[in-house]
Amino acid sequence: MSDFRLKVFLSVAKNLSFTKASQELFVSQPAITKHIQELESTYQARLFDRQGSKISLTEAGKLLLEHCGRILEDYKRLEYEMHLLHNEYTGELRLEIGRASCRERV
């Protein structure tokens, strides 16, 4: 249910690149630009300063970034808790394997 535009914003802000965000999210670059423009229109503020091929966060962008992570985490928590109401267990599972456990033993 989360707002995909916030995921787009977070990816662009993290990478400071529309191209890298499009690759990370498997979305075309024009679509990334459109999502950012929609957010800028909603908040009536530029979120990024564009200087040639480089971008940086504006004050409004920094403010949105502060809230964005919490909002997306709240969406995840809400989705998880709603599924729990129906005894459906969904969520994210992360596994990490250290290098030592991957070595072949002779």
N, C-alpha and C. Protein backbone atom coordinates (compact mmCIF):
# COMPACT_ATOMS: atom_id res chain seq x y z
N MET A 1 0.80 -1.19 0.00
CA MET A 1 0.00 0.00 0.00
C MET A 1 0.85 1.26 0.00
N SER A 2 2.12 1.15 0.33
CA SER A 2 2.93 2.35 0.48
C SER A 2 2.97 3.17 -0.81
N ASP A 3 3.22 4.43 -0.65
CA ASP A 3 3.28 5.36 -1.77
C ASP A 3 4.59 5.13 -2.52
N PHE A 4 4.49 4.63 -3.73
CA PHE A 4 5.68 4.32 -4.51
C PHE A 4 6.53 5.56 -4.75
N ARG A 5 5.88 6.72 -4.80
CA ARG A 5 6.63 7.97 -5.02
C ARG A 5 7.66 8.17 -3.90
N LEU A 6 7.31 7.77 -2.68
CA LEU A 6 8.27 7.91 -1.58
C LEU A 6 9.45 6.96 -1.75
N LYS A 7 9.18 5.77 -2.26
CA LYS A 7 10.28 4.83 -2.53
C LYS A 7 11.19 5.40 -3.61
N VAL A 8 10.59 6.01 -4.62
CA VAL A 8 11.36 6.63 -5.70
C VAL A 8 12.21 7.76 -5.12
N PHE A 9 11.60 8.62 -4.34
CA PHE A 9 12.33 9.74 -3.74
C PHE A 9 13.50 9.23 -2.90
N LEU A 10 13.25 8.24 -2.07
CA LEU A 10 14.29 7.70 -1.20
C LEU A 10 15.45 7.14 -2.02
N SER A 11 15.15 6.45 -3.10
CA SER A 11 16.19 5.89 -3.95
C SER A 11 17.00 6.99 -4.64
N VAL A 12 16.32 8.01 -5.17
CA VAL A 12 17.03 9.11 -5.82
C VAL A 12 17.89 9.85 -4.80
N ALA A 13 17.34 10.10 -3.61
CA ALA A 13 18.09 10.81 -2.57
C ALA A 13 19.30 10.01 -2.10
N LYS A 14 19.14 8.72 -1.98
CA LYS A 14 20.24 7.86 -1.53
C LYS A 14 21.35 7.79 -2.58
N ASN A 15 20.95 7.65 -3.84
CA ASN A 15 21.92 7.51 -4.93
C ASN A 15 22.37 8.83 -5.52
N LEU A 16 21.61 9.90 -5.24
CA LEU A 16 21.82 11.20 -5.88
C LEU A 16 21.93 11.04 -7.40
N SER A 17 21.03 10.21 -7.92
CA SER A 17 21.02 9.93 -9.35
C SER A 17 19.66 9.37 -9.76
N PHE A 18 19.07 9.99 -10.77
CA PHE A 18 17.82 9.49 -11.31
C PHE A 18 18.06 8.18 -12.04
N THR A 19 19.19 8.08 -12.72
CA THR A 19 19.52 6.87 -13.48
C THR A 19 19.72 5.68 -12.55
N LYS A 20 20.49 5.86 -11.48
CA LYS A 20 20.72 4.76 -10.55
C LYS A 20 19.43 4.35 -9.86
N ALA A 21 18.57 5.32 -9.55
CA ALA A 21 17.28 5.00 -8.93
C ALA A 21 16.43 4.18 -9.90
N SER A 22 16.44 4.54 -11.17
CA SER A 22 15.64 3.79 -12.16
C SER A 22 16.14 2.36 -12.27
N GLN A 23 17.45 2.17 -12.20
CA GLN A 23 18.01 0.82 -12.27
C GLN A 23 17.68 0.03 -11.00
N GLU A 24 17.78 0.68 -9.87
CA GLU A 24 17.51 0.02 -8.59
C GLU A 24 16.05 -0.42 -8.47
N LEU A 25 15.14 0.41 -9.00
CA LEU A 25 13.70 0.15 -8.86
C LEU A 25 13.10 -0.53 -10.09
N PHE A 26 13.91 -0.75 -11.13
CA PHE A 26 13.45 -1.37 -12.37
C PHE A 26 12.29 -0.58 -12.99
N VAL A 27 12.49 0.74 -13.06
CA VAL A 27 11.50 1.65 -13.61
C VAL A 27 12.25 2.57 -14.58
N SER A 28 11.59 3.01 -15.62
CA SER A 28 12.25 3.89 -16.59
C SER A 28 12.62 5.22 -15.94
N GLN A 29 13.66 5.84 -16.48
CA GLN A 29 14.08 7.13 -15.95
C GLN A 29 13.01 8.21 -16.10
N PRO A 30 12.29 8.26 -17.23
CA PRO A 30 11.20 9.24 -17.31
C PRO A 30 10.13 9.04 -16.24
N ALA A 31 9.87 7.79 -15.87
CA ALA A 31 8.89 7.51 -14.81
C ALA A 31 9.41 8.02 -13.46
N ILE A 32 10.71 7.84 -13.22
CA ILE A 32 11.33 8.35 -11.99
C ILE A 32 11.15 9.87 -11.93
N THR A 33 11.46 10.53 -13.03
CA THR A 33 11.33 11.99 -13.10
C THR A 33 9.89 12.42 -12.85
N LYS A 34 8.94 11.70 -13.41
CA LYS A 34 7.52 12.04 -13.23
C LYS A 34 7.11 11.90 -11.77
N HIS A 35 7.55 10.84 -11.10
CA HIS A 35 7.21 10.65 -9.69
C HIS A 35 7.78 11.79 -8.83
N ILE A 36 9.01 12.19 -9.12
CA ILE A 36 9.62 13.29 -8.37
C ILE A 36 8.87 14.59 -8.64
N GLN A 37 8.50 14.82 -9.89
CA GLN A 37 7.73 16.03 -10.23
C GLN A 37 6.38 16.04 -9.51
N GLU A 38 5.75 14.88 -9.38
CA GLU A 38 4.47 14.80 -8.67
C GLU A 38 4.65 15.16 -7.19
N LEU A 39 5.72 14.66 -6.59
CA LEU A 39 5.99 15.01 -5.19
C LEU A 39 6.28 16.51 -5.06
N GLU A 40 7.06 17.05 -5.98
CA GLU A 40 7.36 18.48 -5.95
C GLU A 40 6.10 19.31 -6.12
N SER A 41 5.19 18.85 -6.95
CA SER A 41 3.92 19.54 -7.14
C SER A 41 3.05 19.44 -5.87
N THR A 42 3.02 18.27 -5.27
CA THR A 42 2.23 18.07 -4.05
C THR A 42 2.71 18.98 -2.94
N TYR A 43 4.02 19.08 -2.75
CA TYR A 43 4.57 19.87 -1.65
C TYR A 43 4.93 21.29 -2.07
N GLN A 44 4.71 21.60 -3.34
CA GLN A 44 4.99 22.93 -3.89
C GLN A 44 6.39 23.40 -3.53
N ALA A 45 7.33 22.49 -3.72
CA ALA A 45 8.73 22.79 -3.42
C ALA A 45 9.63 21.89 -4.26
N ARG A 46 10.75 22.45 -4.68
CA ARG A 46 11.74 21.62 -5.37
C ARG A 46 12.42 20.74 -4.34
N LEU A 47 12.64 19.49 -4.67
CA LEU A 47 13.26 18.55 -3.75
C LEU A 47 14.75 18.36 -4.06
N PHE A 48 15.12 18.64 -5.30
CA PHE A 48 16.51 18.48 -5.72
C PHE A 48 16.96 19.72 -6.48
N ASP A 49 18.21 20.11 -6.25
CA ASP A 49 18.87 21.10 -7.09
C ASP A 49 19.54 20.33 -8.20
N ARG A 50 19.33 20.76 -9.42
CA ARG A 50 19.92 20.08 -10.57
C ARG A 50 20.99 20.99 -11.17
N GLN A 51 22.21 20.50 -11.19
CA GLN A 51 23.32 21.25 -11.76
C GLN A 51 24.02 20.36 -12.77
N GLY A 52 23.60 20.48 -14.02
CA GLY A 52 24.13 19.59 -15.05
C GLY A 52 23.70 18.17 -14.77
N SER A 53 24.67 17.28 -14.67
CA SER A 53 24.34 15.88 -14.40
C SER A 53 24.33 15.56 -12.90
N LYS A 54 24.66 16.55 -12.07
CA LYS A 54 24.70 16.34 -10.62
C LYS A 54 23.44 16.88 -9.97
N ILE A 55 22.99 16.18 -8.94
CA ILE A 55 21.85 16.66 -8.17
C ILE A 55 22.21 16.65 -6.69
N SER A 56 21.52 17.50 -5.95
CA SER A 56 21.68 17.52 -4.50
C SER A 56 20.32 17.85 -3.88
N LEU A 57 20.15 17.51 -2.64
CA LEU A 57 18.88 17.76 -1.95
C LEU A 57 18.75 19.23 -1.58
N THR A 58 17.57 19.76 -1.77
CA THR A 58 17.25 21.11 -1.28
C THR A 58 16.86 20.98 0.19
N GLU A 59 16.58 22.10 0.83
CA GLU A 59 16.11 22.04 2.23
C GLU A 59 14.82 21.23 2.31
N ALA A 60 13.91 21.43 1.34
CA ALA A 60 12.66 20.66 1.32
C ALA A 60 12.94 19.18 1.13
N GLY A 61 13.91 18.86 0.28
CA GLY A 61 14.30 17.47 0.06
C GLY A 61 14.87 16.83 1.31
N LYS A 62 15.68 17.59 2.04
CA LYS A 62 16.25 17.09 3.30
C LYS A 62 15.14 16.82 4.32
N LEU A 63 14.17 17.71 4.37
CA LEU A 63 13.05 17.52 5.29
C LEU A 63 12.24 16.28 4.93
N LEU A 64 11.95 16.12 3.64
CA LEU A 64 11.20 14.93 3.22
C LEU A 64 12.00 13.66 3.51
N LEU A 65 13.31 13.70 3.29
CA LEU A 65 14.16 12.53 3.55
C LEU A 65 14.10 12.14 5.02
N GLU A 66 14.09 13.13 5.92
CA GLU A 66 13.99 12.85 7.36
C GLU A 66 12.74 12.04 7.68
N HIS A 67 11.63 12.36 7.03
CA HIS A 67 10.36 11.70 7.31
C HIS A 67 10.15 10.43 6.49
N CYS A 68 10.74 10.37 5.33
CA CYS A 68 10.48 9.31 4.36
C CYS A 68 10.75 7.91 4.92
N GLY A 69 11.89 7.72 5.53
CA GLY A 69 12.23 6.40 6.07
C GLY A 69 11.23 5.93 7.10
N ARG A 70 10.84 6.84 8.00
CA ARG A 70 9.86 6.49 9.03
C ARG A 70 8.51 6.17 8.43
N ILE A 71 8.11 6.94 7.44
CA ILE A 71 6.81 6.70 6.79
C ILE A 71 6.79 5.33 6.14
N LEU A 72 7.84 4.99 5.41
CA LEU A 72 7.89 3.69 4.73
C LEU A 72 7.96 2.55 5.73
N GLU A 73 8.67 2.73 6.83
CA GLU A 73 8.70 1.70 7.88
C GLU A 73 7.32 1.54 8.51
N ASP A 74 6.62 2.65 8.72
CA ASP A 74 5.25 2.59 9.27
C ASP A 74 4.32 1.83 8.32
N TYR A 75 4.47 2.06 7.01
CA TYR A 75 3.67 1.31 6.04
C TYR A 75 3.94 -0.19 6.16
N LYS A 76 5.23 -0.57 6.27
CA LYS A 76 5.58 -1.99 6.40
C LYS A 76 4.97 -2.59 7.66
N ARG A 77 5.09 -1.85 8.77
CA ARG A 77 4.56 -2.34 10.04
C ARG A 77 3.05 -2.48 9.98
N LEU A 78 2.37 -1.51 9.37
CA LEU A 78 0.91 -1.56 9.22
C LEU A 78 0.51 -2.78 8.40
N GLU A 79 1.19 -2.99 7.28
CA GLU A 79 0.87 -4.13 6.42
C GLU A 79 1.06 -5.44 7.18
N TYR A 80 2.15 -5.55 7.92
CA TYR A 80 2.42 -6.75 8.71
C TYR A 80 1.32 -6.99 9.75
N GLU A 81 0.97 -5.94 10.50
CA GLU A 81 -0.03 -6.09 11.54
C GLU A 81 -1.42 -6.39 10.98
N MET A 82 -1.74 -5.84 9.81
CA MET A 82 -3.03 -6.14 9.19
C MET A 82 -3.09 -7.62 8.79
N HIS A 83 -1.97 -8.15 8.30
CA HIS A 83 -1.94 -9.57 7.95
C HIS A 83 -2.05 -10.46 9.19
N LEU A 84 -1.48 -9.99 10.29
CA LEU A 84 -1.58 -10.77 11.53
C LEU A 84 -3.02 -10.93 11.99
N LEU A 85 -3.86 -9.96 11.69
CA LEU A 85 -5.27 -10.05 12.05
C LEU A 85 -5.93 -11.27 11.42
N HIS A 86 -5.41 -11.71 10.29
CA HIS A 86 -5.97 -12.85 9.56
C HIS A 86 -5.05 -14.07 9.65
N ASN A 87 -4.15 -14.04 10.63
CA ASN A 87 -3.17 -15.12 10.80
C ASN A 87 -2.36 -15.38 9.54
N GLU A 88 -2.09 -14.33 8.79
CA GLU A 88 -1.23 -14.42 7.62
C GLU A 88 0.12 -13.83 8.02
N TYR A 89 1.15 -14.60 7.86
CA TYR A 89 2.46 -14.14 8.27
C TYR A 89 3.26 -13.78 7.03
N THR A 90 3.41 -12.50 6.83
CA THR A 90 4.19 -12.02 5.70
C THR A 90 5.21 -11.03 6.23
N GLY A 91 6.19 -10.79 5.47
CA GLY A 91 7.20 -9.83 5.86
C GLY A 91 8.47 -10.05 5.09
N GLU A 92 9.49 -9.44 5.57
CA GLU A 92 10.77 -9.50 4.90
C GLU A 92 11.69 -10.41 5.70
N LEU A 93 12.35 -11.32 5.01
CA LEU A 93 13.30 -12.22 5.64
C LEU A 93 14.66 -11.96 5.02
N ARG A 94 15.63 -11.63 5.86
CA ARG A 94 16.98 -11.38 5.37
C ARG A 94 17.91 -12.41 5.95
N LEU A 95 18.69 -13.04 5.09
CA LEU A 95 19.68 -14.02 5.51
C LEU A 95 21.06 -13.51 5.14
N GLU A 96 21.99 -13.69 6.04
CA GLU A 96 23.35 -13.28 5.76
C GLU A 96 24.26 -14.46 6.02
N ILE A 97 25.12 -14.72 5.08
CA ILE A 97 26.05 -15.83 5.20
C ILE A 97 27.45 -15.25 5.20
N GLY A 98 28.21 -15.57 6.20
CA GLY A 98 29.59 -15.10 6.28
C GLY A 98 30.48 -15.85 5.31
N ARG A 99 31.62 -15.25 5.01
CA ARG A 99 32.56 -15.86 4.07
C ARG A 99 33.06 -17.19 4.59
N ALA A 100 33.30 -17.29 5.88
CA ALA A 100 33.85 -18.53 6.45
C ALA A 100 32.95 -19.73 6.21
N SER A 101 31.65 -19.54 6.26
CA SER A 101 30.75 -20.66 6.06
C SER A 101 30.61 -21.05 4.61
N CYS A 102 31.13 -20.25 3.71
CA CYS A 102 31.03 -20.55 2.29
C CYS A 102 32.28 -21.24 1.75
N ARG A 103 33.33 -21.29 2.53
CA ARG A 103 34.56 -21.93 2.04
C ARG A 103 34.38 -23.44 1.92
N GLU A 104 35.00 -23.94 0.90
CA GLU A 104 34.97 -25.39 0.71
C GLU A 104 36.03 -26.00 1.62
N ARG A 105 35.67 -27.00 2.32
CA ARG A 105 36.61 -27.65 3.23
C ARG A 105 37.17 -28.91 2.57
N VAL A 106 38.47 -29.07 2.68
CA VAL A 106 39.13 -30.22 2.05
C VAL A 106 39.58 -31.20 3.11
